[in-house]
C-alpha cells in the first residue's frame, strides 16, 4: 500500500493494519489517518530562551519530515496525539499554521496533551480541531496511557517517549526509540527529534519495533 515510504513495517491490531513508519509515525490504513505523537514544536525555542544554545534547524527538520509524510501518504486526517507544541506561543506556531493551511484536503486534529496550553483562539486560528480523546472504530486515541481501558477497546497513545536499550559487546549499549504494542495498548515514539527516551518494560507477548537506520525493525523477544 505504501510504496513511497521506505523502511516501514506493518502490524495488525484488532483486524486493522497499522503501518509503522521510520519517521516515528503511524498510518492508520483503513481510515487514512496519520498518527503523530509528541511533536513538541517550539521546544528548541523554549531552551534557547533559557540560554541553552540548541540549533534552530531542529524545528525546520521536524516540519520538513511532517510535510514529506503528508505529501506521500495524502491522509484524510492528521491526528496529533498530544504535546504538539511544547509551551507558550512563539514563531514556530505560525510555521505550523502555514503547513495546516497548505494541505487543505487533510483535516488536522489534536488530542490535547499536558503541554498543549495554547488558548482556544490559537487552535482555531491554526484550524486545529481539539479533542480530549478520540474514538476511531475500536481504538481510543489519547495522549497519556489510559488507567482503565473499556472492554473491546484498544488504546493508542504517546506521552511516554518509549525506547529500548540494546546491549553489545562488553558494556556497550544504545537506547533507540520504539513502537510498543501490548495486549490492550500501544505507545508511539515521540515524533519530535529533540526529545529523550524512556525505557519501558517489555513482556514476552508484547510486540516492540525499534527505529534504526531509517528502518522499523521488529525486536526479537527470544
N, C-alpha and C. Protein backbone atom coordinates (compact mmCIF):
# COMPACT_ATOMS: atom_id res chain seq x y z
N UNK A 1 0.83 -1.20 0.00
CA UNK A 1 0.00 0.00 0.00
C UNK A 1 0.87 1.25 0.00
N UNK A 2 1.86 1.30 0.88
CA UNK A 2 2.74 2.46 0.94
C UNK A 2 4.04 2.09 0.25
N UNK A 3 4.25 2.65 -0.92
CA UNK A 3 5.45 2.30 -1.69
C UNK A 3 6.47 3.44 -1.68
N UNK A 4 6.04 4.63 -1.31
CA UNK A 4 6.94 5.78 -1.37
C UNK A 4 7.67 6.04 -0.06
N UNK A 5 7.31 5.32 1.00
CA UNK A 5 7.98 5.49 2.28
C UNK A 5 8.74 4.20 2.56
N UNK A 6 10.04 4.26 2.48
CA UNK A 6 10.87 3.06 2.66
C UNK A 6 11.05 2.75 4.13
N UNK A 7 11.34 1.48 4.41
CA UNK A 7 11.73 1.08 5.76
C UNK A 7 10.60 0.86 6.73
N UNK A 8 9.36 0.77 6.27
CA UNK A 8 8.23 0.64 7.18
C UNK A 8 7.98 -0.83 7.53
N UNK A 9 7.16 -1.04 8.58
CA UNK A 9 6.67 -2.35 8.95
C UNK A 9 5.16 -2.24 9.16
N UNK A 10 4.47 -3.35 9.03
CA UNK A 10 3.04 -3.36 9.32
C UNK A 10 2.76 -4.30 10.49
N UNK A 11 1.80 -3.90 11.32
CA UNK A 11 1.34 -4.73 12.42
C UNK A 11 -0.18 -4.73 12.36
N UNK A 12 -0.78 -5.87 12.66
CA UNK A 12 -2.24 -5.99 12.59
C UNK A 12 -2.80 -6.03 14.02
N UNK A 13 -3.63 -5.06 14.33
CA UNK A 13 -4.24 -4.93 15.65
C UNK A 13 -5.76 -4.85 15.47
N UNK A 14 -6.48 -5.74 16.13
CA UNK A 14 -7.94 -5.75 16.05
C UNK A 14 -8.42 -5.77 14.60
N UNK A 15 -7.78 -6.60 13.80
CA UNK A 15 -8.14 -6.78 12.38
C UNK A 15 -7.90 -5.53 11.52
N UNK A 16 -7.11 -4.62 12.02
CA UNK A 16 -6.79 -3.40 11.28
C UNK A 16 -5.28 -3.34 11.08
N UNK A 17 -4.84 -3.00 9.87
CA UNK A 17 -3.42 -2.85 9.60
C UNK A 17 -2.94 -1.45 10.00
N UNK A 18 -1.87 -1.43 10.75
CA UNK A 18 -1.21 -0.17 11.08
C UNK A 18 0.17 -0.20 10.44
N UNK A 19 0.51 0.86 9.72
CA UNK A 19 1.81 0.96 9.09
C UNK A 19 2.72 1.81 9.96
N UNK A 20 3.80 1.22 10.43
CA UNK A 20 4.76 1.89 11.31
C UNK A 20 5.86 2.49 10.45
N UNK A 21 6.03 3.77 10.56
CA UNK A 21 6.94 4.50 9.68
C UNK A 21 8.25 4.84 10.40
N UNK A 22 9.37 4.79 9.70
CA UNK A 22 10.65 5.11 10.34
C UNK A 22 10.75 6.57 10.77
N UNK A 23 9.84 7.41 10.29
CA UNK A 23 9.79 8.81 10.73
C UNK A 23 9.11 8.94 12.10
N UNK A 24 8.83 7.79 12.74
CA UNK A 24 8.23 7.73 14.08
C UNK A 24 6.77 8.18 14.06
N UNK A 25 6.05 7.73 13.06
CA UNK A 25 4.62 8.00 12.94
C UNK A 25 3.93 6.72 12.51
N UNK A 26 2.60 6.73 12.58
CA UNK A 26 1.80 5.56 12.21
C UNK A 26 0.75 5.98 11.19
N UNK A 27 0.56 5.16 10.17
CA UNK A 27 -0.51 5.39 9.21
C UNK A 27 -1.59 4.34 9.44
N UNK A 28 -2.79 4.83 9.76
CA UNK A 28 -3.96 4.01 10.02
C UNK A 28 -4.58 3.68 8.67
N UNK A 29 -4.20 2.55 8.10
CA UNK A 29 -4.52 2.27 6.70
C UNK A 29 -6.00 2.41 6.37
N UNK A 30 -6.85 1.74 7.14
CA UNK A 30 -8.28 1.68 6.82
C UNK A 30 -8.92 3.06 6.80
N UNK A 31 -8.49 3.94 7.70
CA UNK A 31 -9.12 5.24 7.85
C UNK A 31 -8.32 6.38 7.22
N UNK A 32 -7.18 6.06 6.62
CA UNK A 32 -6.31 7.08 6.02
C UNK A 32 -5.98 8.19 7.02
N UNK A 33 -5.61 7.76 8.24
CA UNK A 33 -5.25 8.70 9.31
C UNK A 33 -3.75 8.59 9.59
N UNK A 34 -3.08 9.72 9.61
CA UNK A 34 -1.68 9.78 10.01
C UNK A 34 -1.63 10.15 11.49
N UNK A 35 -1.05 9.27 12.31
CA UNK A 35 -0.95 9.49 13.75
C UNK A 35 0.46 9.94 14.12
N UNK A 36 0.53 11.03 14.87
CA UNK A 36 1.83 11.58 15.29
C UNK A 36 1.73 11.94 16.77
N UNK A 37 2.68 11.47 17.55
CA UNK A 37 2.69 11.78 18.98
C UNK A 37 3.88 12.65 19.34
N UNK A 38 3.65 13.60 20.23
CA UNK A 38 4.74 14.34 20.87
C UNK A 38 5.69 15.02 19.89
N UNK A 39 5.13 15.89 19.09
CA UNK A 39 5.96 16.67 18.17
C UNK A 39 6.79 17.71 18.92
N UNK A 40 6.22 18.29 19.97
CA UNK A 40 6.92 19.27 20.81
C UNK A 40 7.49 20.43 20.00
N UNK A 41 6.68 20.97 19.12
CA UNK A 41 7.07 22.18 18.40
C UNK A 41 7.39 23.29 19.40
N UNK A 42 8.41 24.06 19.13
CA UNK A 42 8.76 25.19 19.98
C UNK A 42 9.64 24.83 21.16
N UNK A 43 9.96 23.55 21.34
CA UNK A 43 10.78 23.16 22.47
C UNK A 43 12.19 23.74 22.35
N UNK A 44 12.70 23.77 21.12
CA UNK A 44 14.02 24.36 20.89
C UNK A 44 14.04 25.81 21.34
N UNK A 45 13.01 26.57 20.94
CA UNK A 45 12.93 27.99 21.31
C UNK A 45 12.85 28.16 22.82
N UNK A 46 12.13 27.25 23.47
CA UNK A 46 11.99 27.28 24.93
C UNK A 46 13.36 27.17 25.60
N UNK A 47 14.20 26.26 25.11
CA UNK A 47 15.53 26.08 25.69
C UNK A 47 16.44 27.25 25.34
N UNK A 48 16.31 27.78 24.13
CA UNK A 48 17.17 28.90 23.74
C UNK A 48 16.89 30.13 24.58
N UNK A 49 15.62 30.34 24.94
CA UNK A 49 15.29 31.48 25.81
C UNK A 49 15.92 31.32 27.19
N UNK A 50 16.20 30.07 27.56
CA UNK A 50 16.83 29.81 28.86
C UNK A 50 18.35 29.86 28.77
N UNK A 51 18.87 30.22 27.58
CA UNK A 51 20.31 30.37 27.41
C UNK A 51 21.02 29.12 26.94
N UNK A 52 20.27 28.08 26.58
CA UNK A 52 20.89 26.84 26.10
C UNK A 52 20.95 26.91 24.58
N UNK A 53 22.14 26.89 23.97
CA UNK A 53 22.29 27.13 22.53
C UNK A 53 21.93 25.91 21.68
N UNK A 54 20.64 25.58 21.63
CA UNK A 54 20.17 24.45 20.82
C UNK A 54 20.01 24.91 19.37
N UNK A 55 20.49 24.15 18.38
CA UNK A 55 20.36 24.56 16.97
C UNK A 55 18.90 24.71 16.55
N UNK A 56 18.57 25.82 15.93
CA UNK A 56 17.19 26.06 15.49
C UNK A 56 16.81 25.18 14.30
N UNK A 57 17.78 24.57 13.64
CA UNK A 57 17.48 23.72 12.48
C UNK A 57 16.60 22.53 12.85
N UNK A 58 16.57 22.16 14.13
CA UNK A 58 15.75 21.03 14.56
C UNK A 58 14.28 21.31 14.28
N UNK A 59 13.84 22.56 14.53
CA UNK A 59 12.45 22.93 14.26
C UNK A 59 12.10 22.72 12.80
N UNK A 60 12.96 23.20 11.92
CA UNK A 60 12.73 23.07 10.49
C UNK A 60 12.71 21.62 10.07
N UNK A 61 13.61 20.83 10.63
CA UNK A 61 13.68 19.41 10.29
C UNK A 61 12.38 18.69 10.63
N UNK A 62 11.83 18.96 11.80
CA UNK A 62 10.58 18.31 12.19
C UNK A 62 9.45 18.63 11.21
N UNK A 63 9.34 19.90 10.83
CA UNK A 63 8.29 20.29 9.89
C UNK A 63 8.52 19.70 8.50
N UNK A 64 9.77 19.64 8.08
CA UNK A 64 10.06 19.06 6.77
C UNK A 64 9.66 17.59 6.71
N UNK A 65 9.91 16.86 7.77
CA UNK A 65 9.52 15.45 7.82
C UNK A 65 8.00 15.32 7.78
N UNK A 66 7.31 16.17 8.54
CA UNK A 66 5.85 16.15 8.54
C UNK A 66 5.30 16.45 7.15
N UNK A 67 5.83 17.46 6.51
CA UNK A 67 5.36 17.84 5.17
C UNK A 67 5.59 16.69 4.19
N UNK A 68 6.75 16.07 4.26
CA UNK A 68 7.08 14.97 3.35
C UNK A 68 6.10 13.80 3.52
N UNK A 69 5.77 13.47 4.76
CA UNK A 69 4.83 12.38 5.00
C UNK A 69 3.44 12.70 4.46
N UNK A 70 2.98 13.91 4.67
CA UNK A 70 1.65 14.28 4.19
C UNK A 70 1.62 14.24 2.66
N UNK A 71 2.67 14.70 2.03
CA UNK A 71 2.72 14.69 0.57
C UNK A 71 2.68 13.26 0.03
N UNK A 72 3.37 12.35 0.68
CA UNK A 72 3.45 10.98 0.19
C UNK A 72 2.22 10.15 0.53
N UNK A 73 1.68 10.32 1.73
CA UNK A 73 0.59 9.47 2.19
C UNK A 73 -0.79 10.03 1.86
N UNK A 74 -0.87 11.35 1.71
CA UNK A 74 -2.15 12.02 1.43
C UNK A 74 -3.25 11.58 2.40
N UNK A 75 -3.02 11.75 3.69
CA UNK A 75 -4.02 11.32 4.67
C UNK A 75 -5.27 12.19 4.64
N UNK A 76 -6.41 11.57 4.96
CA UNK A 76 -7.64 12.34 5.11
C UNK A 76 -7.60 13.14 6.40
N UNK A 77 -6.94 12.55 7.42
CA UNK A 77 -6.85 13.20 8.73
C UNK A 77 -5.42 13.07 9.25
N UNK A 78 -4.95 14.13 9.86
CA UNK A 78 -3.67 14.10 10.58
C UNK A 78 -4.01 14.33 12.05
N UNK A 79 -3.75 13.33 12.88
CA UNK A 79 -4.11 13.41 14.29
C UNK A 79 -2.85 13.45 15.14
N UNK A 80 -2.68 14.54 15.88
CA UNK A 80 -1.55 14.69 16.80
C UNK A 80 -1.99 14.18 18.18
N UNK A 81 -1.27 13.18 18.70
CA UNK A 81 -1.64 12.60 20.00
C UNK A 81 -0.99 13.36 21.16
N UNK A 82 -1.25 14.64 21.20
CA UNK A 82 -0.82 15.44 22.34
C UNK A 82 0.61 15.95 22.27
N UNK A 83 0.86 16.98 23.08
CA UNK A 83 2.16 17.66 23.13
C UNK A 83 2.62 18.07 21.74
N UNK A 84 1.69 18.65 21.02
CA UNK A 84 2.00 19.19 19.69
C UNK A 84 2.97 20.35 19.82
N UNK A 85 2.69 21.22 20.79
CA UNK A 85 3.54 22.39 21.00
C UNK A 85 4.04 22.35 22.42
N UNK A 86 5.31 22.69 22.63
CA UNK A 86 5.93 22.45 23.93
C UNK A 86 5.48 23.42 25.02
N UNK A 87 5.21 24.64 24.67
CA UNK A 87 4.91 25.62 25.71
C UNK A 87 4.06 26.74 25.12
N UNK A 88 4.36 27.97 25.51
CA UNK A 88 3.57 29.12 25.06
C UNK A 88 3.89 29.49 23.62
N UNK A 89 3.10 30.36 23.09
CA UNK A 89 3.19 30.79 21.69
C UNK A 89 4.58 31.34 21.33
N UNK A 90 5.08 30.93 20.15
CA UNK A 90 6.20 31.62 19.53
C UNK A 90 6.10 31.42 18.02
N UNK A 91 7.10 31.84 17.28
CA UNK A 91 7.02 31.86 15.82
C UNK A 91 6.80 30.48 15.20
N UNK A 92 7.21 29.43 15.90
CA UNK A 92 7.04 28.08 15.35
C UNK A 92 5.56 27.73 15.19
N UNK A 93 4.73 28.32 16.02
CA UNK A 93 3.28 28.09 15.91
C UNK A 93 2.76 28.60 14.57
N UNK A 94 3.26 29.74 14.13
CA UNK A 94 2.85 30.29 12.85
C UNK A 94 3.32 29.41 11.69
N UNK A 95 4.52 28.84 11.81
CA UNK A 95 5.04 27.94 10.78
C UNK A 95 4.16 26.71 10.66
N UNK A 96 3.72 26.17 11.79
CA UNK A 96 2.82 25.01 11.77
C UNK A 96 1.49 25.39 11.12
N UNK A 97 0.99 26.58 11.44
CA UNK A 97 -0.25 27.03 10.84
C UNK A 97 -0.18 27.12 9.32
N UNK A 98 0.96 27.51 8.80
CA UNK A 98 1.14 27.57 7.34
C UNK A 98 1.06 26.18 6.73
N UNK A 99 1.61 25.19 7.42
CA UNK A 99 1.54 23.81 6.93
C UNK A 99 0.10 23.33 6.90
N UNK A 100 -0.63 23.58 7.98
CA UNK A 100 -2.03 23.15 8.06
C UNK A 100 -2.86 23.79 6.95
N UNK A 101 -2.66 25.07 6.74
CA UNK A 101 -3.45 25.77 5.72
C UNK A 101 -3.09 25.33 4.30
N UNK A 102 -1.85 24.88 4.12
CA UNK A 102 -1.42 24.46 2.78
C UNK A 102 -2.10 23.16 2.36
N UNK A 103 -2.24 22.21 3.30
CA UNK A 103 -2.81 20.90 2.97
C UNK A 103 -4.31 20.92 3.26
N UNK A 104 -5.04 21.54 2.37
CA UNK A 104 -6.48 21.76 2.58
C UNK A 104 -7.29 20.47 2.50
N UNK A 105 -6.76 19.44 1.85
CA UNK A 105 -7.51 18.19 1.71
C UNK A 105 -7.40 17.30 2.95
N UNK A 106 -6.57 17.67 3.90
CA UNK A 106 -6.42 16.91 5.15
C UNK A 106 -7.02 17.69 6.31
N UNK A 107 -7.69 16.98 7.20
CA UNK A 107 -8.22 17.58 8.43
C UNK A 107 -7.19 17.38 9.53
N UNK A 108 -6.85 18.44 10.24
CA UNK A 108 -5.83 18.38 11.29
C UNK A 108 -6.50 18.41 12.66
N UNK A 109 -6.16 17.45 13.51
CA UNK A 109 -6.80 17.31 14.81
C UNK A 109 -5.76 17.11 15.90
N UNK A 110 -6.09 17.56 17.09
CA UNK A 110 -5.19 17.44 18.23
C UNK A 110 -5.93 16.79 19.39
N UNK A 111 -5.37 15.70 19.90
CA UNK A 111 -5.81 15.15 21.17
C UNK A 111 -4.96 15.82 22.24
N UNK A 112 -5.57 16.61 23.05
CA UNK A 112 -4.83 17.51 23.94
C UNK A 112 -3.91 16.75 24.90
N UNK A 113 -2.68 17.26 25.02
CA UNK A 113 -1.70 16.69 25.95
C UNK A 113 -1.36 17.68 27.06
N UNK A 114 -0.50 17.28 27.97
CA UNK A 114 -0.19 18.13 29.13
C UNK A 114 0.57 19.39 28.75
N UNK A 115 1.25 19.41 27.60
CA UNK A 115 1.96 20.61 27.16
C UNK A 115 1.11 21.50 26.26
N UNK A 116 -0.08 21.06 25.91
CA UNK A 116 -0.93 21.83 24.98
C UNK A 116 -1.73 22.87 25.75
N UNK A 117 -1.09 24.03 25.96
CA UNK A 117 -1.67 25.05 26.83
C UNK A 117 -2.03 26.33 26.06
N UNK A 118 -2.08 26.23 24.74
CA UNK A 118 -2.50 27.38 23.94
C UNK A 118 -3.95 27.74 24.23
N UNK A 119 -4.31 28.97 23.93
CA UNK A 119 -5.71 29.39 24.07
C UNK A 119 -6.55 28.76 22.97
N UNK A 120 -7.84 28.68 23.20
CA UNK A 120 -8.76 28.13 22.20
C UNK A 120 -8.68 28.93 20.90
N UNK A 121 -8.45 30.23 21.02
CA UNK A 121 -8.35 31.10 19.84
C UNK A 121 -7.17 30.69 18.96
N UNK A 122 -6.03 30.36 19.57
CA UNK A 122 -4.86 29.98 18.79
C UNK A 122 -5.11 28.67 18.03
N UNK A 123 -5.76 27.71 18.66
CA UNK A 123 -6.08 26.46 17.97
C UNK A 123 -7.04 26.71 16.81
N UNK A 124 -7.98 27.61 17.04
CA UNK A 124 -8.94 27.95 15.99
C UNK A 124 -8.24 28.64 14.83
N UNK A 125 -7.33 29.55 15.13
CA UNK A 125 -6.57 30.25 14.08
C UNK A 125 -5.75 29.26 13.26
N UNK A 126 -5.24 28.23 13.92
CA UNK A 126 -4.41 27.24 13.25
C UNK A 126 -5.25 26.18 12.54
N UNK A 127 -6.57 26.28 12.66
CA UNK A 127 -7.51 25.34 12.03
C UNK A 127 -7.31 23.92 12.54
N UNK A 128 -7.09 23.83 13.85
CA UNK A 128 -6.96 22.54 14.51
C UNK A 128 -8.23 22.22 15.28
N UNK A 129 -8.76 21.03 15.09
CA UNK A 129 -9.89 20.56 15.88
C UNK A 129 -9.32 19.87 17.12
N UNK A 130 -9.74 20.30 18.30
CA UNK A 130 -9.14 19.81 19.55
C UNK A 130 -10.09 18.84 20.25
N UNK A 131 -9.53 17.70 20.71
CA UNK A 131 -10.29 16.69 21.44
C UNK A 131 -9.58 16.40 22.76
N UNK A 132 -10.34 15.94 23.74
CA UNK A 132 -9.74 15.41 24.96
C UNK A 132 -9.32 13.96 24.73
N UNK A 133 -10.09 13.24 23.97
CA UNK A 133 -9.73 11.92 23.47
C UNK A 133 -10.51 11.71 22.18
N UNK A 134 -10.15 10.67 21.44
CA UNK A 134 -10.76 10.46 20.13
C UNK A 134 -10.99 8.97 19.95
N UNK A 135 -12.17 8.61 19.45
CA UNK A 135 -12.51 7.21 19.22
C UNK A 135 -12.59 6.96 17.72
N UNK A 136 -11.84 5.97 17.26
CA UNK A 136 -11.85 5.58 15.85
C UNK A 136 -12.07 4.07 15.80
N UNK A 137 -13.25 3.64 15.42
CA UNK A 137 -13.57 2.22 15.45
C UNK A 137 -13.42 1.69 16.86
N UNK A 138 -12.63 0.63 17.03
CA UNK A 138 -12.41 0.06 18.36
C UNK A 138 -11.19 0.65 19.06
N UNK A 139 -10.63 1.71 18.48
CA UNK A 139 -9.42 2.32 19.02
C UNK A 139 -9.75 3.61 19.78
N UNK A 140 -9.15 3.77 20.94
CA UNK A 140 -9.26 5.00 21.72
C UNK A 140 -7.91 5.72 21.64
N UNK A 141 -7.92 6.91 21.07
CA UNK A 141 -6.70 7.69 20.91
C UNK A 141 -6.60 8.71 22.03
N UNK A 142 -5.54 8.65 22.79
CA UNK A 142 -5.32 9.56 23.91
C UNK A 142 -3.88 10.03 23.90
N UNK A 143 -3.59 11.02 24.74
CA UNK A 143 -2.19 11.43 24.88
C UNK A 143 -1.47 10.51 25.87
N UNK A 144 -2.01 10.39 27.07
CA UNK A 144 -1.40 9.54 28.09
C UNK A 144 -2.05 8.16 28.08
N UNK A 145 -1.32 7.14 28.49
CA UNK A 145 -1.92 5.81 28.60
C UNK A 145 -3.13 5.84 29.53
N UNK A 146 -4.17 5.11 29.17
CA UNK A 146 -5.38 5.07 29.98
C UNK A 146 -5.18 4.12 31.16
N UNK A 147 -5.66 4.53 32.34
CA UNK A 147 -5.55 3.66 33.51
C UNK A 147 -6.52 2.50 33.42
N UNK A 148 -7.68 2.72 32.80
CA UNK A 148 -8.65 1.66 32.59
C UNK A 148 -9.14 1.74 31.15
N UNK A 149 -9.01 0.66 30.43
CA UNK A 149 -9.42 0.61 29.03
C UNK A 149 -10.72 -0.17 28.94
N UNK A 150 -11.79 0.43 28.38
CA UNK A 150 -13.07 -0.26 28.30
C UNK A 150 -12.96 -1.57 27.53
N UNK A 151 -13.76 -2.56 27.89
CA UNK A 151 -13.75 -3.85 27.19
C UNK A 151 -13.97 -3.66 25.69
N UNK A 152 -13.22 -4.38 24.90
CA UNK A 152 -13.36 -4.33 23.46
C UNK A 152 -12.64 -3.18 22.80
N UNK A 153 -11.98 -2.31 23.59
CA UNK A 153 -11.27 -1.17 23.04
C UNK A 153 -9.76 -1.37 23.12
N UNK A 154 -9.04 -0.66 22.27
CA UNK A 154 -7.59 -0.70 22.26
C UNK A 154 -7.09 0.74 22.29
N UNK A 155 -6.23 1.03 23.26
CA UNK A 155 -5.73 2.39 23.47
C UNK A 155 -4.44 2.63 22.68
N UNK A 156 -4.40 3.72 21.92
CA UNK A 156 -3.16 4.16 21.28
C UNK A 156 -2.82 5.54 21.83
N UNK A 157 -1.59 5.70 22.32
CA UNK A 157 -1.23 6.94 23.00
C UNK A 157 0.22 7.29 22.73
N UNK A 158 0.65 8.38 23.33
CA UNK A 158 2.03 8.83 23.27
C UNK A 158 2.53 9.10 24.67
N UNK A 159 3.07 10.30 24.89
CA UNK A 159 3.45 10.84 26.19
C UNK A 159 4.71 10.22 26.78
N UNK A 160 4.89 8.91 26.64
CA UNK A 160 5.98 8.22 27.35
C UNK A 160 7.33 8.40 26.67
N UNK A 161 7.35 8.62 25.35
CA UNK A 161 8.59 8.65 24.55
C UNK A 161 9.33 7.31 24.71
N UNK A 162 8.72 6.20 24.34
CA UNK A 162 9.30 4.88 24.64
C UNK A 162 10.60 4.61 23.89
N UNK A 163 11.49 3.92 24.57
CA UNK A 163 12.74 3.49 23.98
C UNK A 163 13.16 2.16 24.58
N UNK A 164 14.04 1.45 23.89
CA UNK A 164 14.59 0.20 24.40
C UNK A 164 16.11 0.26 24.32
N UNK A 165 16.75 -0.37 25.29
CA UNK A 165 18.22 -0.39 25.31
C UNK A 165 18.72 -1.68 24.69
N UNK A 166 19.59 -1.53 23.72
CA UNK A 166 20.25 -2.68 23.10
C UNK A 166 21.67 -2.75 23.62
N UNK A 167 22.10 -3.94 23.97
CA UNK A 167 23.43 -4.12 24.53
C UNK A 167 24.33 -4.84 23.55
N UNK A 168 25.58 -4.39 23.45
CA UNK A 168 26.55 -5.03 22.58
C UNK A 168 27.64 -5.70 23.38
N UNK A 169 28.79 -5.83 22.76
CA UNK A 169 29.92 -6.46 23.43
C UNK A 169 30.38 -5.63 24.62
N UNK A 170 30.79 -6.31 25.67
CA UNK A 170 31.26 -5.59 26.84
C UNK A 170 30.16 -4.77 27.48
N UNK A 171 30.44 -3.50 27.73
CA UNK A 171 29.46 -2.63 28.36
C UNK A 171 28.79 -1.67 27.38
N UNK A 172 28.95 -1.95 26.11
CA UNK A 172 28.36 -1.07 25.10
C UNK A 172 26.84 -1.22 25.11
N UNK A 173 26.16 -0.08 25.00
CA UNK A 173 24.70 -0.11 24.92
C UNK A 173 24.22 1.11 24.14
N UNK A 174 23.00 0.99 23.61
CA UNK A 174 22.42 2.07 22.81
C UNK A 174 20.92 2.04 23.04
N UNK A 175 20.35 3.20 23.34
CA UNK A 175 18.90 3.30 23.52
C UNK A 175 18.28 3.89 22.26
N UNK A 176 17.29 3.20 21.72
CA UNK A 176 16.65 3.61 20.47
C UNK A 176 15.15 3.80 20.68
N UNK A 177 14.54 4.73 19.92
CA UNK A 177 13.09 4.90 20.02
C UNK A 177 12.37 3.67 19.49
N UNK A 178 11.14 3.46 19.96
CA UNK A 178 10.42 2.26 19.53
C UNK A 178 8.91 2.48 19.53
N UNK A 179 8.24 1.62 18.79
CA UNK A 179 6.79 1.46 18.88
C UNK A 179 6.54 0.28 19.82
N UNK A 180 5.63 0.47 20.77
CA UNK A 180 5.32 -0.60 21.72
C UNK A 180 3.87 -1.02 21.56
N UNK A 181 3.63 -2.32 21.44
CA UNK A 181 2.27 -2.86 21.33
C UNK A 181 2.06 -3.93 22.39
N UNK A 182 1.24 -3.59 23.38
CA UNK A 182 0.85 -4.57 24.40
C UNK A 182 -0.48 -5.19 24.05
N UNK A 183 -1.04 -5.92 24.99
CA UNK A 183 -2.30 -6.61 24.75
C UNK A 183 -3.46 -5.65 24.55
N UNK A 184 -3.44 -4.54 25.28
CA UNK A 184 -4.56 -3.61 25.24
C UNK A 184 -4.18 -2.18 24.85
N UNK A 185 -2.89 -1.90 24.68
CA UNK A 185 -2.50 -0.54 24.37
C UNK A 185 -1.23 -0.51 23.54
N UNK A 186 -1.10 0.57 22.78
CA UNK A 186 0.10 0.85 22.01
C UNK A 186 0.63 2.21 22.42
N UNK A 187 1.95 2.34 22.48
CA UNK A 187 2.59 3.61 22.81
C UNK A 187 3.49 3.99 21.64
N UNK A 188 3.26 5.17 21.09
CA UNK A 188 4.03 5.60 19.92
C UNK A 188 5.28 6.37 20.35
N UNK A 189 6.33 6.31 19.55
CA UNK A 189 7.53 7.10 19.85
C UNK A 189 7.26 8.58 19.65
N UNK A 190 8.06 9.42 20.27
CA UNK A 190 7.95 10.86 20.08
C UNK A 190 8.41 11.22 18.67
N UNK A 191 7.57 11.96 17.95
CA UNK A 191 7.91 12.37 16.59
C UNK A 191 9.01 13.43 16.59
N UNK A 192 8.97 14.32 17.56
CA UNK A 192 9.95 15.40 17.63
C UNK A 192 11.36 14.86 17.83
N UNK A 193 12.32 15.46 17.13
CA UNK A 193 13.69 14.97 17.19
C UNK A 193 14.43 15.45 18.44
N UNK A 194 13.90 16.45 19.13
CA UNK A 194 14.57 16.99 20.31
C UNK A 194 13.88 16.47 21.58
N UNK A 195 13.80 15.15 21.70
CA UNK A 195 13.17 14.52 22.85
C UNK A 195 14.03 13.35 23.29
N UNK A 196 13.95 13.02 24.57
CA UNK A 196 14.68 11.86 25.06
C UNK A 196 13.81 10.61 24.99
N UNK A 197 14.32 9.50 25.52
CA UNK A 197 13.60 8.24 25.52
C UNK A 197 13.46 7.73 26.95
N UNK A 198 12.35 7.07 27.21
CA UNK A 198 12.13 6.41 28.49
C UNK A 198 12.06 4.91 28.24
N UNK A 199 12.94 4.17 28.87
CA UNK A 199 12.93 2.72 28.68
C UNK A 199 11.67 2.13 29.30
N UNK A 200 11.03 1.25 28.56
CA UNK A 200 9.78 0.67 29.02
C UNK A 200 9.96 -0.84 29.27
N UNK A 201 9.26 -1.37 30.26
CA UNK A 201 9.31 -2.82 30.49
C UNK A 201 8.56 -3.55 29.39
N UNK A 202 9.11 -4.63 28.91
CA UNK A 202 8.51 -5.38 27.81
C UNK A 202 8.20 -6.79 28.28
N UNK A 203 6.94 -7.20 28.11
CA UNK A 203 6.54 -8.56 28.45
C UNK A 203 6.75 -9.47 27.23
N UNK A 204 6.74 -10.75 27.49
CA UNK A 204 7.08 -11.71 26.44
C UNK A 204 6.15 -11.64 25.24
N UNK A 205 4.85 -11.43 25.45
CA UNK A 205 3.89 -11.42 24.36
C UNK A 205 3.75 -10.05 23.69
N UNK A 206 4.43 -9.05 24.22
CA UNK A 206 4.37 -7.72 23.62
C UNK A 206 5.14 -7.70 22.30
N UNK A 207 4.75 -6.77 21.45
CA UNK A 207 5.48 -6.54 20.20
C UNK A 207 6.19 -5.20 20.30
N UNK A 208 7.46 -5.18 19.98
CA UNK A 208 8.25 -3.95 20.02
C UNK A 208 8.98 -3.80 18.70
N UNK A 209 8.88 -2.61 18.12
CA UNK A 209 9.54 -2.31 16.86
C UNK A 209 10.48 -1.13 17.08
N UNK A 210 11.76 -1.36 16.91
CA UNK A 210 12.73 -0.28 17.10
C UNK A 210 12.93 0.47 15.78
N UNK A 211 13.41 1.69 15.89
CA UNK A 211 13.68 2.53 14.73
C UNK A 211 15.18 2.76 14.66
N UNK A 212 15.81 2.28 13.59
CA UNK A 212 17.26 2.41 13.43
C UNK A 212 17.60 2.44 11.95
N UNK A 213 18.53 3.32 11.60
CA UNK A 213 19.00 3.42 10.21
C UNK A 213 17.85 3.60 9.22
N UNK A 214 16.89 4.45 9.61
CA UNK A 214 15.75 4.77 8.75
C UNK A 214 14.90 3.54 8.43
N UNK A 215 14.89 2.59 9.37
CA UNK A 215 14.07 1.39 9.21
C UNK A 215 13.33 1.08 10.50
N UNK A 216 12.17 0.46 10.36
CA UNK A 216 11.44 -0.06 11.51
C UNK A 216 11.71 -1.56 11.57
N UNK A 217 12.23 -2.03 12.70
CA UNK A 217 12.69 -3.42 12.82
C UNK A 217 12.02 -4.05 14.05
N UNK A 218 11.36 -5.20 13.83
CA UNK A 218 10.74 -5.88 14.97
C UNK A 218 11.82 -6.49 15.86
N UNK A 219 11.69 -6.24 17.15
CA UNK A 219 12.68 -6.73 18.11
C UNK A 219 12.41 -8.19 18.43
N UNK A 220 13.43 -8.99 18.43
CA UNK A 220 13.32 -10.41 18.76
C UNK A 220 13.17 -10.56 20.25
N UNK A 221 12.07 -11.17 20.68
CA UNK A 221 11.80 -11.32 22.12
C UNK A 221 12.35 -12.62 22.67
N UNK A 222 12.99 -13.41 21.83
CA UNK A 222 13.52 -14.71 22.31
C UNK A 222 14.65 -14.51 23.30
